Amino acid sequence: MEHKFKQQVFYSDTDAYGVVWHGSYLRWLEMGRVYFCELLGLNLIDLKEKDIVMPVTNLNVRYKASAKLNDIVTIKTSISKITPLSIIFEQTITNEETGQLYIQATVDVVAINNAGKLYRRLPEELNLAFEKINKEAELCNV
């Protein structure tokens, strides 16, 4: 399962050199993970009210090329691994028109409560939502 969305590069996304500022990519990656969770029926505000927060614990970004003003980029998000403790997202940002790869990222997320205490196992609500991905993967491999 994957989620894709398109984003136009605006002037506010660029730096003094006229290319996308590195922090703009991180914002788009975050948007991709939020959209992906919503696709699974996980609303982050509802989860917070249930004492579940999903912070990033590891972020590995490989910058391959620079997007520029007015480019249309595609942000693709999928899950590469689910463990009892964490979810690992794979994400890319590419040029919509040419397919050129700008960003390749791996993002690890865990579950904590609102007080910041780590859940040693993903809460049941997260497990149920992410099971959908495992079932889809099994169906594709049949």
N, C-alpha and C. Protein backbone atom coordinates (compact mmCIF):
# COMPACT_ATOMS: atom_id res chain seq x y z
N MET A 1 0.85 -1.17 0.00
CA MET A 1 0.00 0.00 0.00
C MET A 1 0.89 1.24 0.00
N GLU A 2 0.51 2.20 -0.78
CA GLU A 2 1.26 3.45 -0.79
C GLU A 2 0.29 4.62 -0.97
N HIS A 3 0.77 5.78 -0.62
CA HIS A 3 0.01 7.00 -0.81
C HIS A 3 0.89 7.97 -1.60
N LYS A 4 0.28 8.67 -2.57
CA LYS A 4 0.99 9.68 -3.34
C LYS A 4 0.19 10.98 -3.32
N PHE A 5 0.89 12.09 -3.30
CA PHE A 5 0.24 13.37 -3.52
C PHE A 5 1.22 14.31 -4.22
N LYS A 6 0.68 15.31 -4.86
CA LYS A 6 1.48 16.27 -5.61
C LYS A 6 1.54 17.59 -4.86
N GLN A 7 2.66 18.28 -5.02
CA GLN A 7 2.86 19.56 -4.36
C GLN A 7 3.62 20.48 -5.30
N GLN A 8 3.11 21.69 -5.49
CA GLN A 8 3.84 22.67 -6.27
C GLN A 8 4.89 23.34 -5.37
N VAL A 9 6.05 23.60 -5.93
CA VAL A 9 7.10 24.31 -5.20
C VAL A 9 6.80 25.81 -5.29
N PHE A 10 6.61 26.43 -4.13
CA PHE A 10 6.34 27.85 -4.06
C PHE A 10 7.62 28.61 -3.68
N TYR A 11 7.59 29.91 -3.89
CA TYR A 11 8.74 30.74 -3.57
C TYR A 11 9.18 30.56 -2.12
N SER A 12 8.20 30.43 -1.21
CA SER A 12 8.52 30.27 0.21
C SER A 12 9.21 28.95 0.52
N ASP A 13 9.19 28.00 -0.41
CA ASP A 13 9.86 26.71 -0.24
C ASP A 13 11.33 26.76 -0.62
N THR A 14 11.75 27.85 -1.25
CA THR A 14 13.11 27.92 -1.79
C THR A 14 14.04 28.73 -0.89
N ASP A 15 15.34 28.58 -1.14
CA ASP A 15 16.34 29.33 -0.38
C ASP A 15 16.93 30.44 -1.24
N ALA A 16 18.00 31.05 -0.75
CA ALA A 16 18.62 32.16 -1.46
C ALA A 16 19.24 31.77 -2.80
N TYR A 17 19.42 30.46 -3.01
CA TYR A 17 19.99 29.98 -4.26
C TYR A 17 18.93 29.61 -5.30
N GLY A 18 17.66 29.77 -4.92
CA GLY A 18 16.57 29.48 -5.85
C GLY A 18 16.21 28.01 -5.96
N VAL A 19 16.69 27.19 -5.03
CA VAL A 19 16.32 25.78 -5.00
C VAL A 19 15.54 25.51 -3.72
N VAL A 20 14.88 24.36 -3.67
CA VAL A 20 14.08 24.04 -2.48
C VAL A 20 14.99 23.93 -1.27
N TRP A 21 14.62 24.65 -0.23
CA TRP A 21 15.32 24.61 1.05
C TRP A 21 15.13 23.22 1.66
N HIS A 22 16.16 22.66 2.26
CA HIS A 22 16.11 21.28 2.76
C HIS A 22 14.97 21.03 3.75
N GLY A 23 14.60 22.01 4.54
CA GLY A 23 13.51 21.84 5.50
C GLY A 23 12.14 21.69 4.84
N SER A 24 11.97 22.23 3.64
CA SER A 24 10.70 22.09 2.93
C SER A 24 10.43 20.63 2.60
N TYR A 25 11.48 19.89 2.24
CA TYR A 25 11.32 18.47 1.96
C TYR A 25 10.79 17.73 3.19
N LEU A 26 11.32 18.08 4.36
CA LEU A 26 10.90 17.42 5.60
C LEU A 26 9.42 17.68 5.88
N ARG A 27 8.97 18.89 5.60
CA ARG A 27 7.55 19.22 5.78
C ARG A 27 6.69 18.36 4.87
N TRP A 28 7.12 18.20 3.61
CA TRP A 28 6.34 17.38 2.66
C TRP A 28 6.36 15.91 3.06
N LEU A 29 7.50 15.44 3.59
CA LEU A 29 7.56 14.06 4.07
C LEU A 29 6.58 13.85 5.22
N GLU A 30 6.52 14.81 6.13
CA GLU A 30 5.57 14.74 7.25
C GLU A 30 4.13 14.70 6.72
N MET A 31 3.84 15.54 5.75
CA MET A 31 2.50 15.55 5.16
C MET A 31 2.17 14.17 4.58
N GLY A 32 3.14 13.56 3.93
CA GLY A 32 2.93 12.23 3.35
C GLY A 32 2.61 11.19 4.40
N ARG A 33 3.31 11.23 5.54
CA ARG A 33 3.02 10.26 6.61
C ARG A 33 1.66 10.51 7.23
N VAL A 34 1.28 11.76 7.40
CA VAL A 34 -0.05 12.08 7.95
C VAL A 34 -1.14 11.59 6.99
N TYR A 35 -0.99 11.88 5.69
CA TYR A 35 -1.97 11.41 4.71
C TYR A 35 -2.05 9.89 4.70
N PHE A 36 -0.91 9.22 4.81
CA PHE A 36 -0.89 7.76 4.82
C PHE A 36 -1.67 7.23 6.02
N CYS A 37 -1.43 7.80 7.19
CA CYS A 37 -2.16 7.38 8.40
C CYS A 37 -3.66 7.61 8.24
N GLU A 38 -4.03 8.74 7.65
CA GLU A 38 -5.45 9.02 7.42
C GLU A 38 -6.06 8.00 6.47
N LEU A 39 -5.30 7.54 5.49
CA LEU A 39 -5.75 6.51 4.57
C LEU A 39 -6.10 5.22 5.32
N LEU A 40 -5.38 4.98 6.41
CA LEU A 40 -5.64 3.80 7.25
C LEU A 40 -6.71 4.04 8.31
N GLY A 41 -7.27 5.25 8.33
CA GLY A 41 -8.29 5.57 9.32
C GLY A 41 -7.72 6.08 10.63
N LEU A 42 -6.46 6.48 10.63
CA LEU A 42 -5.83 6.98 11.84
C LEU A 42 -5.74 8.50 11.78
N ASN A 43 -6.57 9.16 12.57
CA ASN A 43 -6.53 10.61 12.67
C ASN A 43 -5.63 10.97 13.85
N LEU A 44 -4.58 11.75 13.60
CA LEU A 44 -3.59 12.02 14.64
C LEU A 44 -4.15 12.79 15.83
N ILE A 45 -5.13 13.64 15.60
CA ILE A 45 -5.76 14.37 16.71
C ILE A 45 -6.57 13.40 17.58
N ASP A 46 -7.32 12.50 16.93
CA ASP A 46 -8.07 11.49 17.68
C ASP A 46 -7.14 10.58 18.47
N LEU A 47 -6.01 10.21 17.87
CA LEU A 47 -5.04 9.36 18.58
C LEU A 47 -4.49 10.08 19.81
N LYS A 48 -4.19 11.36 19.67
CA LYS A 48 -3.66 12.12 20.82
C LYS A 48 -4.68 12.14 21.96
N GLU A 49 -5.96 12.27 21.61
CA GLU A 49 -7.01 12.24 22.64
C GLU A 49 -7.10 10.86 23.30
N LYS A 50 -6.61 9.82 22.63
CA LYS A 50 -6.58 8.46 23.18
C LYS A 50 -5.22 8.14 23.81
N ASP A 51 -4.40 9.17 24.01
CA ASP A 51 -3.09 9.05 24.66
C ASP A 51 -2.06 8.32 23.79
N ILE A 52 -2.16 8.52 22.47
CA ILE A 52 -1.19 7.92 21.54
C ILE A 52 -0.63 9.03 20.66
N VAL A 53 0.69 9.18 20.68
CA VAL A 53 1.39 10.13 19.84
C VAL A 53 2.47 9.36 19.10
N MET A 54 2.74 9.75 17.85
CA MET A 54 3.69 8.99 17.03
C MET A 54 4.86 9.88 16.56
N PRO A 55 5.87 10.06 17.43
CA PRO A 55 7.00 10.90 17.04
C PRO A 55 8.00 10.15 16.14
N VAL A 56 8.74 10.93 15.39
CA VAL A 56 9.84 10.40 14.58
C VAL A 56 11.03 10.16 15.52
N THR A 57 11.63 8.97 15.43
CA THR A 57 12.81 8.66 16.24
C THR A 57 14.08 8.54 15.40
N ASN A 58 13.92 8.35 14.12
CA ASN A 58 15.07 8.27 13.23
C ASN A 58 14.64 8.76 11.86
N LEU A 59 15.47 9.58 11.26
CA LEU A 59 15.19 10.14 9.95
C LEU A 59 16.46 10.08 9.13
N ASN A 60 16.40 9.32 8.04
CA ASN A 60 17.55 9.21 7.14
C ASN A 60 17.11 9.74 5.79
N VAL A 61 17.68 10.86 5.40
CA VAL A 61 17.30 11.51 4.14
C VAL A 61 18.51 11.55 3.22
N ARG A 62 18.33 11.10 2.01
CA ARG A 62 19.37 11.20 0.98
C ARG A 62 18.89 12.21 -0.05
N TYR A 63 19.60 13.32 -0.12
CA TYR A 63 19.28 14.37 -1.08
C TYR A 63 19.98 14.03 -2.40
N LYS A 64 19.20 13.77 -3.44
CA LYS A 64 19.76 13.34 -4.72
C LYS A 64 19.88 14.48 -5.73
N ALA A 65 18.92 15.40 -5.71
CA ALA A 65 18.91 16.54 -6.63
C ALA A 65 18.02 17.62 -6.01
N SER A 66 18.06 18.79 -6.58
CA SER A 66 17.29 19.92 -6.03
C SER A 66 16.09 20.26 -6.89
N ALA A 67 14.93 20.33 -6.26
CA ALA A 67 13.74 20.83 -6.93
C ALA A 67 13.84 22.35 -6.98
N LYS A 68 13.12 22.93 -7.91
CA LYS A 68 13.18 24.38 -8.11
C LYS A 68 11.78 24.99 -8.12
N LEU A 69 11.75 26.30 -8.04
CA LEU A 69 10.51 27.06 -8.03
C LEU A 69 9.58 26.61 -9.17
N ASN A 70 8.32 26.40 -8.85
CA ASN A 70 7.24 26.01 -9.75
C ASN A 70 7.28 24.56 -10.20
N ASP A 71 8.29 23.79 -9.80
CA ASP A 71 8.26 22.35 -10.08
C ASP A 71 7.02 21.76 -9.40
N ILE A 72 6.50 20.71 -9.97
CA ILE A 72 5.47 19.91 -9.31
C ILE A 72 6.17 18.64 -8.85
N VAL A 73 6.14 18.40 -7.55
CA VAL A 73 6.78 17.21 -7.02
C VAL A 73 5.73 16.22 -6.55
N THR A 74 6.09 14.95 -6.60
CA THR A 74 5.23 13.88 -6.10
C THR A 74 5.89 13.28 -4.87
N ILE A 75 5.13 13.21 -3.78
CA ILE A 75 5.61 12.62 -2.55
C ILE A 75 4.93 11.26 -2.41
N LYS A 76 5.74 10.21 -2.36
CA LYS A 76 5.22 8.85 -2.24
C LYS A 76 5.62 8.29 -0.88
N THR A 77 4.64 7.69 -0.19
CA THR A 77 4.86 7.15 1.15
C THR A 77 4.36 5.72 1.20
N SER A 78 5.17 4.84 1.77
CA SER A 78 4.77 3.46 2.00
C SER A 78 5.41 2.99 3.31
N ILE A 79 5.03 1.81 3.73
CA ILE A 79 5.61 1.21 4.94
C ILE A 79 6.58 0.13 4.50
N SER A 80 7.79 0.18 5.02
CA SER A 80 8.75 -0.87 4.67
C SER A 80 8.80 -1.96 5.74
N LYS A 81 8.47 -1.60 6.99
CA LYS A 81 8.56 -2.60 8.06
C LYS A 81 7.71 -2.16 9.24
N ILE A 82 7.07 -3.14 9.85
CA ILE A 82 6.31 -2.91 11.08
C ILE A 82 6.87 -3.88 12.12
N THR A 83 7.32 -3.35 13.24
CA THR A 83 7.81 -4.19 14.34
C THR A 83 6.86 -3.99 15.52
N PRO A 84 7.00 -4.79 16.56
CA PRO A 84 6.14 -4.57 17.73
C PRO A 84 6.32 -3.18 18.36
N LEU A 85 7.47 -2.54 18.09
CA LEU A 85 7.78 -1.26 18.70
C LEU A 85 7.67 -0.07 17.76
N SER A 86 7.86 -0.29 16.44
CA SER A 86 7.95 0.85 15.54
C SER A 86 7.38 0.58 14.16
N ILE A 87 7.21 1.66 13.43
CA ILE A 87 6.78 1.61 12.03
C ILE A 87 7.86 2.32 11.24
N ILE A 88 8.29 1.70 10.15
CA ILE A 88 9.32 2.31 9.32
C ILE A 88 8.71 2.68 7.98
N PHE A 89 8.71 3.97 7.69
CA PHE A 89 8.17 4.50 6.44
C PHE A 89 9.31 4.65 5.43
N GLU A 90 9.00 4.35 4.17
CA GLU A 90 9.89 4.65 3.04
C GLU A 90 9.21 5.76 2.26
N GLN A 91 9.95 6.81 1.93
CA GLN A 91 9.37 7.94 1.22
C GLN A 91 10.31 8.44 0.13
N THR A 92 9.70 8.90 -0.95
CA THR A 92 10.47 9.53 -2.02
C THR A 92 9.77 10.81 -2.45
N ILE A 93 10.57 11.73 -2.95
CA ILE A 93 10.04 12.94 -3.58
C ILE A 93 10.68 12.99 -4.97
N THR A 94 9.83 13.04 -5.98
CA THR A 94 10.29 13.04 -7.37
C THR A 94 9.65 14.19 -8.14
N ASN A 95 10.23 14.50 -9.28
CA ASN A 95 9.65 15.48 -10.18
C ASN A 95 8.49 14.82 -10.91
N GLU A 96 7.32 15.42 -10.85
CA GLU A 96 6.12 14.85 -11.46
C GLU A 96 6.29 14.66 -12.96
N GLU A 97 6.90 15.62 -13.61
CA GLU A 97 7.01 15.60 -15.07
C GLU A 97 8.12 14.67 -15.57
N THR A 98 9.29 14.74 -14.95
CA THR A 98 10.45 13.99 -15.46
C THR A 98 10.71 12.70 -14.71
N GLY A 99 10.17 12.58 -13.49
CA GLY A 99 10.44 11.41 -12.67
C GLY A 99 11.76 11.46 -11.92
N GLN A 100 12.51 12.56 -12.07
CA GLN A 100 13.80 12.68 -11.40
C GLN A 100 13.62 12.56 -9.89
N LEU A 101 14.47 11.75 -9.28
CA LEU A 101 14.43 11.55 -7.84
C LEU A 101 15.15 12.70 -7.14
N TYR A 102 14.44 13.36 -6.22
CA TYR A 102 15.02 14.43 -5.42
C TYR A 102 15.43 13.94 -4.04
N ILE A 103 14.53 13.20 -3.41
CA ILE A 103 14.72 12.78 -2.02
C ILE A 103 14.36 11.31 -1.87
N GLN A 104 15.17 10.61 -1.10
CA GLN A 104 14.87 9.24 -0.70
C GLN A 104 15.01 9.23 0.82
N ALA A 105 13.96 8.80 1.54
CA ALA A 105 14.00 8.89 2.99
C ALA A 105 13.45 7.63 3.65
N THR A 106 14.02 7.33 4.80
CA THR A 106 13.52 6.29 5.69
C THR A 106 13.23 6.97 7.02
N VAL A 107 12.01 6.74 7.53
CA VAL A 107 11.60 7.42 8.75
C VAL A 107 11.04 6.39 9.73
N ASP A 108 11.63 6.33 10.93
CA ASP A 108 11.16 5.43 11.98
C ASP A 108 10.27 6.22 12.93
N VAL A 109 9.13 5.62 13.27
CA VAL A 109 8.16 6.24 14.16
C VAL A 109 7.82 5.23 15.26
N VAL A 110 7.69 5.72 16.48
CA VAL A 110 7.26 4.88 17.61
C VAL A 110 5.97 5.47 18.17
N ALA A 111 5.41 4.79 19.15
CA ALA A 111 4.22 5.29 19.84
C ALA A 111 4.59 5.62 21.29
N ILE A 112 4.19 6.82 21.71
CA ILE A 112 4.38 7.23 23.10
C ILE A 112 3.05 7.76 23.62
N ASN A 113 2.95 7.87 24.95
CA ASN A 113 1.75 8.50 25.50
C ASN A 113 1.97 10.01 25.57
N ASN A 114 0.95 10.72 25.97
CA ASN A 114 1.04 12.20 25.98
C ASN A 114 2.08 12.72 26.97
N ALA A 115 2.46 11.90 27.93
CA ALA A 115 3.49 12.29 28.89
C ALA A 115 4.89 11.98 28.38
N GLY A 116 4.99 11.35 27.22
CA GLY A 116 6.28 11.05 26.62
C GLY A 116 6.83 9.67 26.92
N LYS A 117 6.04 8.82 27.56
CA LYS A 117 6.50 7.46 27.88
C LYS A 117 6.28 6.54 26.69
N LEU A 118 7.33 5.80 26.35
CA LEU A 118 7.30 4.89 25.22
C LEU A 118 6.41 3.69 25.49
N TYR A 119 5.54 3.38 24.53
CA TYR A 119 4.80 2.12 24.60
C TYR A 119 5.75 1.02 24.15
N ARG A 120 5.87 -0.04 24.93
CA ARG A 120 6.78 -1.15 24.58
C ARG A 120 6.22 -2.00 23.45
N ARG A 121 4.96 -1.88 23.21
CA ARG A 121 4.28 -2.52 22.08
C ARG A 121 3.37 -1.47 21.46
N LEU A 122 3.23 -1.51 20.13
CA LEU A 122 2.32 -0.57 19.49
C LEU A 122 0.92 -0.77 20.06
N PRO A 123 0.22 0.30 20.38
CA PRO A 123 -1.16 0.18 20.88
C PRO A 123 -2.04 -0.57 19.88
N GLU A 124 -3.04 -1.24 20.41
CA GLU A 124 -3.92 -2.09 19.60
C GLU A 124 -4.53 -1.35 18.41
N GLU A 125 -4.93 -0.11 18.61
CA GLU A 125 -5.52 0.66 17.52
C GLU A 125 -4.55 0.80 16.34
N LEU A 126 -3.28 1.01 16.63
CA LEU A 126 -2.28 1.09 15.57
C LEU A 126 -2.07 -0.28 14.92
N ASN A 127 -1.99 -1.31 15.75
CA ASN A 127 -1.81 -2.67 15.21
C ASN A 127 -2.92 -3.03 14.24
N LEU A 128 -4.15 -2.73 14.62
CA LEU A 128 -5.29 -3.06 13.75
C LEU A 128 -5.21 -2.32 12.42
N ALA A 129 -4.86 -1.05 12.47
CA ALA A 129 -4.76 -0.26 11.24
C ALA A 129 -3.64 -0.76 10.34
N PHE A 130 -2.49 -1.04 10.94
CA PHE A 130 -1.34 -1.45 10.14
C PHE A 130 -1.44 -2.91 9.69
N GLU A 131 -2.31 -3.71 10.33
CA GLU A 131 -2.55 -5.08 9.85
C GLU A 131 -3.11 -5.07 8.43
N LYS A 132 -3.86 -4.02 8.09
CA LYS A 132 -4.41 -3.90 6.74
C LYS A 132 -3.30 -3.98 5.70
N ILE A 133 -2.17 -3.37 6.02
CA ILE A 133 -1.04 -3.36 5.08
C ILE A 133 -0.48 -4.77 4.92
N ASN A 134 -0.31 -5.47 6.05
CA ASN A 134 0.22 -6.83 5.99
C ASN A 134 -0.71 -7.75 5.20
N LYS A 135 -2.02 -7.59 5.38
CA LYS A 135 -2.98 -8.42 4.65
C LYS A 135 -2.92 -8.14 3.17
N GLU A 136 -2.81 -6.86 2.80
CA GLU A 136 -2.71 -6.51 1.38
C GLU A 136 -1.44 -7.09 0.76
N ALA A 137 -0.34 -7.03 1.52
CA ALA A 137 0.92 -7.57 1.02
C ALA A 137 0.82 -9.07 0.81
N GLU A 138 0.15 -9.77 1.73
CA GLU A 138 -0.02 -11.21 1.59
C GLU A 138 -0.86 -11.53 0.36
N LEU A 139 -1.91 -10.75 0.12
CA LEU A 139 -2.77 -10.98 -1.07
C LEU A 139 -1.99 -10.76 -2.36
N CYS A 140 -1.09 -9.78 -2.35
CA CYS A 140 -0.30 -9.50 -3.55
C CYS A 140 0.72 -10.59 -3.83
N ASN A 141 1.15 -11.29 -2.78
CA ASN A 141 2.17 -12.32 -2.95
C ASN A 141 1.59 -13.71 -3.25
N VAL A 142 0.27 -13.80 -3.29
CA VAL A 142 -0.37 -15.11 -3.56
C VAL A 142 -0.24 -15.46 -5.02
